[in-house]
Each structure stands twice: as structure tokens, then as C-alpha cells.
Amino acid sequence: MQLKGNRFLIIGRAGMDFYPDPPGTKTEEATQFFACLGGSSANIGVAIVKLGGKADLVTCVSDDAIGRFALNELDRYGIGRAHVRSVGGEARNSLAVVETRIEDHQSVIYRNGAADFEMTTADVEAVDYTRYDALITTGTVLAAEPSRSAAFRAFDLARAAGLPLIFDIDYRPYSWPSADVAAEVYSRAGALCDVIVGNDVEFGFMAGDYDQGLAKARDLVAQGAQLAVYKMGEKGAVTITPTGEITTGIYKTAALKPTGAGDSFMGGLVSGLASGLPLRDAVLQGSAAAAMVVSRVGCAPAMPTRAELDDFLRAQSAPLPA
């Protein structure tokens, strides 16, 4: 599968990440923190822009200092925010406190009254979808109303404009009223999309049985999706298409933290598809980007540039076997 170009519209959140500093510090022992842009959709946008693509975000941020921080960071990375709306009242931006450590890693997420859930159908109807080559949606946007209905409306509008729909499952249990509701909504979204990307736990969750995740990914393709990427952490990934499956490994890296891999993988994958790479090479580009990000501090600032990713791939003889 290839994309027509590298102009991406991304639906989902932008927030703030706090990292205890220096790297390796436990949160409860920290006296200083490093702040950067956060939120899976914003991170994917950064990954795409750093690799030479264009990305615009559709979401809401809080009308306060934290929301303005997110807006400033989007500007700094070159992510379009013409469709990012500030909301007042009690809505608050997402905040994540994330440690740069592998052993006893802790991530604390604050999502009460999340501003991004305030996105409405009017927000997505204001977009000119013909300006883009693909729509990317992260699953967290589906966890509450009115953003859930807005996202499904965006699916309809993007499809009418001829855009492929790319779905990052991005399951975060704390955002959902129940696992049953989440599984039903995710399955509904997955059935509408052309590309579905998730890890083994996320596909297993969608299947209602963690041992049936791969079968769920295969079933989504059998029902009409063009591509499903079933990620298995250190065991690599299985990429499923209507004509067959590709198994790939990962790249060796000195990981500092477990976070950011999924967002960087998505950015590397879609950038590869947009540039005309063969599917296997696009998946491996995503894996390489993920390996680089987990070895660096932060998520958005850790995303590799085109030159950095190319240098990394040239230095690798081959990925580790799956």
C-alpha cells in the first residue's frame, strides 16, 4: 500500500509531558523536571514533520497556560494548528509525568476533564479534507463525547474526499467508562479504516481475548482493511495485507525508557508509505524510528530527523530476527 502524498491530518490530543531530570531520576525523588510537547497525536505529527512531511492537528486545548504551552510547541515543530480550538471552563489539557528509566518505570497521566474530548462535529466539519493525503486518528479521541461522534463524522468526511483512514488503536483504559464500551467502539472504528496499527495487547483487547489479537488483526483485513500492523514489542511485528503477511524484527538499541515507541513507529511507517517505500521497508523504517526514540529523552523532542533516521539505518546491518 502507498499513499498519494505526505500531507496528513491528525485527530487527537496535544498536551504537556514532564520528565524528571536528570534521566534515571524517580519522580518521587525529583527536584527538577524537563517539559515538552506530549499527546500521542501531537507526537505522531512531530514524527511526520521531522521526516519531511506535513501535519495538521484537529483537537481542543485548554484556554490556560498549559494549553498555550501546547500551542507554542506545535508552532515550534511546524505542526499546523488552524483547527486547534481553545476551550475555557473546567476543561484541562492532558499532563503526563514520565520517567526516563526502564527499571521500575512509572508514568502518571492526568486526564480528568480532558480538553481534547471537547472537540465537536463543527470542528471536524470546518476542515477542507481535499488538502490532505490521509487522515490519522488515535483511539483515545473515541473515549468520550462529543469527540467520539466528531471523530466518526471526520471518518465520513475524509472518506468522501477520497482519503485513506489510518487508525492507531492507542488504548488507554483510564479514559474509558468500561472495557466493554471501548471494545465495541474500537471494533466499529477499526471496521471503517484502511490501516490499523496496534500492539498485541490492543488487538487482543479488541478481540475480547488477549490470545486472539492476531486473529482480530487478520479479521479486520479480511473484512476490508488494506493493512494491519500487529506489533509484538521485542518480538517484532506481523504486517497483514489482503495478499499475505510480512514478519519483521526490531533494531537493537540501548533503551532509556519504554515510552514513545508507538508514536514514532506510526510516523516512520506512514512517512515511508508516503515516500513510496515497499511495505516491508516502511514497516522497518517505523521500527527504526521507534528504536531511536526509546533511546532518547522525551517523545516529541526524541523523534528523529530524516538525516538521523537514514544514518541509523545505514549503520544497521539488519534488524534482529522476529
Protein backbone atom coordinates (compact mmCIF):
# COMPACT_ATOMS: atom_id res chain seq x y z
CA MET A 1 0.00 0.00 0.00
CA GLN A 2 1.19 3.52 -0.81
CA LEU A 3 -0.15 6.97 -0.01
CA LYS A 4 -0.56 9.70 -2.64
CA GLY A 5 1.49 12.23 -0.69
CA ASN A 6 2.81 13.31 2.67
CA ARG A 7 0.12 15.76 3.85
CA PHE A 8 -1.50 14.31 6.97
CA LEU A 9 -4.49 15.43 9.00
CA ILE A 10 -4.30 14.06 12.54
CA ILE A 11 -7.16 13.94 15.03
CA GLY A 12 -6.28 13.71 18.70
CA ARG A 13 -4.67 15.32 21.68
CA ALA A 14 -1.75 17.62 22.35
CA GLY A 15 -0.53 18.01 25.91
CA MET A 16 2.45 18.50 28.17
CA ASP A 17 4.96 15.88 29.28
CA PHE A 18 7.09 16.28 32.40
CA TYR A 19 10.29 14.22 32.69
CA PRO A 20 12.21 14.05 35.98
CA ASP A 21 15.67 15.42 35.33
CA PRO A 22 18.39 14.19 35.07
CA PRO A 23 17.42 10.98 33.21
CA GLY A 24 17.08 7.99 35.51
CA THR A 25 15.59 10.04 38.36
CA LYS A 26 12.48 8.68 40.06
CA THR A 27 9.55 11.08 40.12
CA GLU A 28 9.25 10.98 43.89
CA GLU A 29 12.90 11.94 44.22
CA ALA A 30 12.96 14.66 41.56
CA THR A 31 13.72 18.31 42.25
CA GLN A 32 13.56 19.46 38.64
CA PHE A 33 11.68 18.46 35.50
CA PHE A 34 12.06 18.79 31.74
CA ALA A 35 8.87 19.85 29.91
CA CYS A 36 8.00 19.07 26.30
CA LEU A 37 5.07 18.56 23.97
CA GLY A 38 3.08 15.40 24.63
CA GLY A 39 -0.03 13.56 23.49
CA SER A 40 0.06 10.70 21.01
CA SER A 41 -1.45 12.62 18.08
CA ALA A 42 0.88 15.59 18.53
CA ASN A 43 3.84 13.22 18.84
CA ILE A 44 2.89 11.48 15.58
CA GLY A 45 2.69 14.90 13.95
CA VAL A 46 6.19 15.76 15.14
CA ALA A 47 7.50 12.44 13.83
CA ILE A 48 5.99 13.12 10.39
CA VAL A 49 7.23 16.72 10.17
CA LYS A 50 10.76 15.78 11.23
CA LEU A 51 10.81 13.20 8.45
CA GLY A 52 9.87 15.80 5.86
CA GLY A 53 6.09 15.52 5.78
CA LYS A 54 3.34 17.96 6.66
CA ALA A 55 0.91 17.51 9.53
CA ASP A 56 -2.09 19.48 10.77
CA LEU A 57 -3.83 18.70 14.05
CA VAL A 58 -7.54 18.78 14.90
CA THR A 59 -8.20 18.94 18.64
CA CYS A 60 -9.03 21.20 21.57
CA VAL A 61 -6.68 22.57 24.22
CA SER A 62 -7.46 24.35 27.46
CA ASP A 63 -7.55 28.14 27.43
CA ASP A 64 -4.83 28.48 30.02
CA ALA A 65 -1.06 28.44 30.36
CA ILE A 66 -0.77 24.68 29.72
CA GLY A 67 -2.90 24.91 26.61
CA ARG A 68 -0.83 27.82 25.36
CA PHE A 69 2.32 25.81 26.03
CA ALA A 70 0.96 23.09 23.74
CA LEU A 71 0.13 25.66 21.05
CA ASN A 72 3.60 27.17 21.25
CA GLU A 73 5.17 23.72 20.94
CA LEU A 74 3.04 22.88 17.90
CA ASP A 75 4.28 26.09 16.31
CA ARG A 76 7.87 25.30 17.20
CA TYR A 77 7.68 21.92 15.49
CA GLY A 78 5.83 23.25 12.46
CA ILE A 79 2.55 21.41 13.03
CA GLY A 80 -0.48 23.22 11.62
CA ARG A 81 -2.98 24.25 14.27
CA ALA A 82 -5.60 26.19 12.33
CA HIS A 83 -8.07 23.56 13.57
CA VAL A 84 -6.93 23.50 17.20
CA ARG A 85 -9.53 25.28 19.34
CA SER A 86 -9.01 26.65 22.86
CA VAL A 87 -11.80 25.85 25.34
CA GLY A 88 -12.49 27.53 28.66
CA GLY A 89 -14.38 26.39 31.73
CA GLU A 90 -13.13 23.38 33.67
CA ALA A 91 -11.53 21.56 30.72
CA ARG A 92 -7.82 20.91 31.21
CA ASN A 93 -5.01 19.76 28.97
CA SER A 94 -3.51 16.33 29.39
CA LEU A 95 -0.42 16.15 31.59
CA ALA A 96 1.92 13.16 31.77
CA VAL A 97 4.75 12.71 34.26
CA VAL A 98 7.03 10.15 32.62
CA GLU A 99 10.31 8.73 33.86
CA THR A 100 13.38 8.21 31.69
CA ARG A 101 14.17 4.78 33.09
CA ILE A 102 13.43 1.17 32.20
CA GLU A 103 13.61 -0.49 35.62
CA ASP A 104 10.64 0.33 37.85
CA HIS A 105 9.38 2.79 35.25
CA GLN A 106 6.46 4.97 36.30
CA SER A 107 4.16 7.07 34.12
CA VAL A 108 1.43 9.13 35.81
CA ILE A 109 -1.24 10.52 33.48
CA TYR A 110 -3.69 13.30 34.37
CA ARG A 111 -6.79 13.15 32.13
CA ASN A 112 -9.66 14.44 34.30
CA GLY A 113 -11.93 16.72 32.27
CA ALA A 114 -9.60 16.44 29.28
CA ALA A 115 -9.86 19.39 26.90
CA ASP A 116 -9.40 17.24 23.78
CA PHE A 117 -12.69 15.47 24.49
CA GLU A 118 -14.43 18.82 23.83
CA MET A 119 -13.82 18.52 20.07
CA THR A 120 -17.16 18.70 18.23
CA THR A 121 -18.58 17.82 14.83
CA ALA A 122 -18.35 21.54 13.97
CA ASP A 123 -14.58 21.34 14.48
CA VAL A 124 -14.15 18.49 12.01
CA GLU A 125 -16.68 19.88 9.54
CA ALA A 126 -14.58 23.06 9.25
CA VAL A 127 -11.71 21.12 7.65
CA ASP A 128 -11.04 21.01 3.91
CA TYR A 129 -10.16 17.33 3.57
CA THR A 130 -9.13 17.71 -0.05
CA ARG A 131 -5.93 19.42 1.15
CA TYR A 132 -4.64 16.15 2.67
CA ASP A 133 -3.47 12.73 1.58
CA ALA A 134 -4.56 10.71 4.63
CA LEU A 135 -6.40 11.02 7.94
CA ILE A 136 -4.76 9.62 11.08
CA THR A 137 -6.85 9.10 14.21
CA THR A 138 -5.62 7.87 17.58
CA GLY A 139 -8.04 5.77 19.57
CA THR A 140 -8.06 7.94 22.67
CA VAL A 141 -10.18 10.51 20.83
CA LEU A 142 -13.02 7.96 20.80
CA ALA A 143 -13.18 7.54 24.58
CA ALA A 144 -15.78 10.24 25.33
CA GLU A 145 -18.34 12.55 23.79
CA PRO A 146 -18.52 14.86 21.94
CA SER A 147 -15.12 13.92 20.45
CA ARG A 148 -16.23 10.36 19.67
CA SER A 149 -19.07 11.48 17.42
CA ALA A 150 -16.81 14.14 15.92
CA ALA A 151 -14.19 11.55 15.02
CA PHE A 152 -16.71 9.30 13.30
CA ARG A 153 -18.03 12.33 11.42
CA ALA A 154 -14.45 13.06 10.32
CA PHE A 155 -14.20 9.48 9.06
CA ASP A 156 -17.23 10.09 6.82
CA LEU A 157 -15.92 13.41 5.52
CA ALA A 158 -12.43 12.07 4.87
CA ARG A 159 -13.81 9.03 3.07
CA ALA A 160 -15.99 11.25 0.90
CA ALA A 161 -12.86 13.21 -0.04
CA GLY A 162 -11.06 10.01 -1.01
CA LEU A 163 -8.63 9.94 1.93
CA PRO A 164 -7.42 6.65 3.40
CA LEU A 165 -8.23 6.29 7.11
CA ILE A 166 -5.34 5.33 9.38
CA PHE A 167 -6.18 4.20 12.92
CA ASP A 168 -3.70 3.98 15.80
CA ILE A 169 -5.54 1.91 18.41
CA ASP A 170 -3.82 3.71 21.32
CA TYR A 171 -5.95 2.07 24.03
CA ARG A 172 -5.74 3.83 27.41
CA PRO A 173 -8.11 2.12 29.88
CA TYR A 174 -8.25 5.11 32.26
CA SER A 175 -10.02 7.21 29.59
CA TRP A 176 -12.93 4.82 29.09
CA PRO A 177 -16.12 4.23 31.12
CA SER A 178 -15.70 0.46 30.69
CA ALA A 179 -13.73 -2.11 28.74
CA ASP A 180 -16.89 -3.33 27.01
CA VAL A 181 -17.69 0.14 25.68
CA ALA A 182 -14.10 0.58 24.49
CA ALA A 183 -14.03 -2.77 22.70
CA GLU A 184 -17.30 -2.03 20.89
CA VAL A 185 -16.24 1.46 19.78
CA TYR A 186 -12.75 0.36 18.72
CA SER A 187 -14.15 -2.51 16.67
CA ARG A 188 -16.57 -0.11 14.99
CA ALA A 189 -13.72 2.29 14.16
CA GLY A 190 -11.40 -0.47 13.00
CA ALA A 191 -14.03 -1.79 10.60
CA LEU A 192 -14.13 1.62 8.88
CA CYS A 193 -10.38 2.14 8.49
CA ASP A 194 -7.88 1.22 5.80
CA VAL A 195 -4.83 0.92 8.05
CA ILE A 196 -4.95 -0.27 11.68
CA VAL A 197 -1.83 -0.22 13.83
CA GLY A 198 -1.58 -1.54 17.39
CA ASN A 199 0.28 -3.84 19.71
CA ASP A 200 -0.63 -7.37 20.69
CA VAL A 201 -2.40 -6.24 23.86
CA GLU A 202 -4.51 -3.69 21.99
CA PHE A 203 -5.61 -6.10 19.27
CA GLY A 204 -6.28 -8.72 21.94
CA PHE A 205 -8.42 -6.24 23.80
CA MET A 206 -10.40 -5.51 20.63
CA ALA A 207 -10.91 -9.25 20.17
CA GLY A 208 -12.16 -9.69 23.73
CA ASP A 209 -9.45 -12.32 24.28
CA TYR A 210 -5.77 -11.48 24.57
CA ASP A 211 -4.86 -14.75 22.87
CA GLN A 212 -6.89 -13.80 19.79
CA GLY A 213 -5.27 -10.47 18.93
CA LEU A 214 -3.53 -11.69 15.80
CA ALA A 215 -6.75 -13.31 14.63
CA LYS A 216 -8.53 -9.99 15.16
CA ALA A 217 -5.94 -8.17 13.04
CA ARG A 218 -6.34 -10.75 10.30
CA ASP A 219 -10.11 -10.49 10.51
CA LEU A 220 -10.02 -6.69 10.07
CA VAL A 221 -8.08 -7.15 6.83
CA ALA A 222 -10.41 -9.92 5.69
CA GLN A 223 -13.33 -7.53 6.24
CA GLY A 224 -11.85 -4.78 4.07
CA ALA A 225 -8.82 -3.09 5.66
CA GLN A 226 -5.80 -2.77 3.39
CA LEU A 227 -3.23 -3.15 6.13
CA ALA A 228 -2.96 -4.14 9.78
CA VAL A 229 0.29 -3.98 11.75
CA TYR A 230 0.33 -6.29 14.78
CA LYS A 231 3.25 -5.16 16.95
CA MET A 232 4.77 -7.55 19.47
CA GLY A 233 7.43 -5.46 21.24
CA GLU A 234 10.81 -7.19 21.24
CA LYS A 235 9.36 -9.96 19.04
CA GLY A 236 8.87 -7.59 16.12
CA ALA A 237 5.70 -7.22 14.09
CA VAL A 238 3.37 -9.06 11.74
CA THR A 239 2.06 -6.90 8.90
CA ILE A 240 -1.11 -8.27 7.30
CA THR A 241 -2.44 -7.36 3.86
CA PRO A 242 -5.12 -8.91 1.63
CA THR A 243 -2.37 -10.70 -0.30
CA GLY A 244 -0.21 -12.03 2.54
CA GLU A 245 1.78 -11.36 5.70
CA ILE A 246 5.22 -9.92 6.43
CA THR A 247 7.10 -10.69 9.63
CA THR A 248 9.78 -8.22 10.70
CA GLY A 249 12.12 -7.86 13.65
CA ILE A 250 13.31 -4.86 15.64
CA TYR A 251 16.54 -2.89 15.76
CA LYS A 252 18.95 -3.22 18.64
CA THR A 253 19.06 -0.15 20.85
CA ALA A 254 20.15 0.96 24.34
CA ALA A 255 16.69 1.88 25.64
CA LEU A 256 16.34 4.61 28.26
CA LYS A 257 12.55 4.34 28.58
CA PRO A 258 9.64 2.30 27.17
CA THR A 259 7.51 5.25 26.01
CA GLY A 260 7.22 6.95 22.63
CA ALA A 261 7.83 3.86 20.50
CA GLY A 262 4.28 3.62 19.16
CA ASP A 263 4.06 7.25 18.07
CA SER A 264 7.45 7.16 16.37
CA PHE A 265 6.60 3.85 14.68
CA MET A 266 3.45 5.37 13.20
CA GLY A 267 5.33 8.42 11.98
CA GLY A 268 8.03 6.32 10.37
CA LEU A 269 5.54 3.91 8.81
CA VAL A 270 3.27 6.49 7.17
CA SER A 271 6.23 8.61 6.05
CA GLY A 272 7.61 5.51 4.36
CA LEU A 273 4.29 4.74 2.66
CA ALA A 274 4.04 8.35 1.51
CA SER A 275 7.54 8.30 0.01
CA GLY A 276 6.86 5.13 -1.98
CA LEU A 277 8.87 2.65 0.08
CA PRO A 278 7.93 -1.01 -0.28
CA LEU A 279 5.70 -2.07 2.61
CA ARG A 280 8.38 -4.11 4.37
CA ASP A 281 10.81 -1.19 4.22
CA ALA A 282 8.15 1.22 5.51
CA VAL A 283 7.49 -1.06 8.50
CA LEU A 284 11.21 -1.34 9.18
CA GLN A 285 11.54 2.43 8.99
CA GLY A 286 8.87 2.66 11.68
CA SER A 287 10.74 0.09 13.78
CA ALA A 288 13.99 2.03 13.39
CA ALA A 289 12.31 5.28 14.45
CA ALA A 290 10.86 3.51 17.49
CA ALA A 291 14.29 2.16 18.44
CA MET A 292 15.77 5.64 18.26
CA VAL A 293 13.06 7.29 20.36
CA VAL A 294 13.22 4.86 23.29
CA SER A 295 16.95 5.54 23.50
CA ARG A 296 16.42 9.31 23.91
CA VAL A 297 14.86 11.65 26.47
CA GLY A 298 11.29 12.75 25.78
CA CYS A 299 8.92 11.78 22.97
CA ALA A 300 8.40 14.76 20.68
CA PRO A 301 12.00 16.02 21.03
CA ALA A 302 13.28 12.46 20.60
CA MET A 303 11.71 11.94 17.17
CA PRO A 304 14.48 11.53 14.60
CA THR A 305 15.04 13.80 11.63
CA ARG A 306 15.28 12.38 8.13
CA ALA A 307 19.08 12.56 8.24
CA GLU A 308 19.28 10.93 11.66
CA LEU A 309 16.99 8.08 10.67
CA ASP A 310 18.87 7.48 7.43
CA ASP A 311 22.18 7.42 9.32
CA PHE A 312 20.74 4.96 11.84
CA LEU A 313 19.50 2.61 9.12
CA ARG A 314 22.81 2.75 7.26
CA ALA A 315 24.65 1.81 10.44
CA GLN A 316 22.45 -1.28 10.98
CA SER A 317 23.40 -4.46 9.16
CA ALA A 318 19.90 -5.88 9.63
CA PRO A 319 17.08 -5.87 12.18
CA LEU A 320 17.11 -8.52 14.86
CA PRO A 321 15.15 -11.62 13.77
CA ALA A 322 11.48 -11.73 14.74
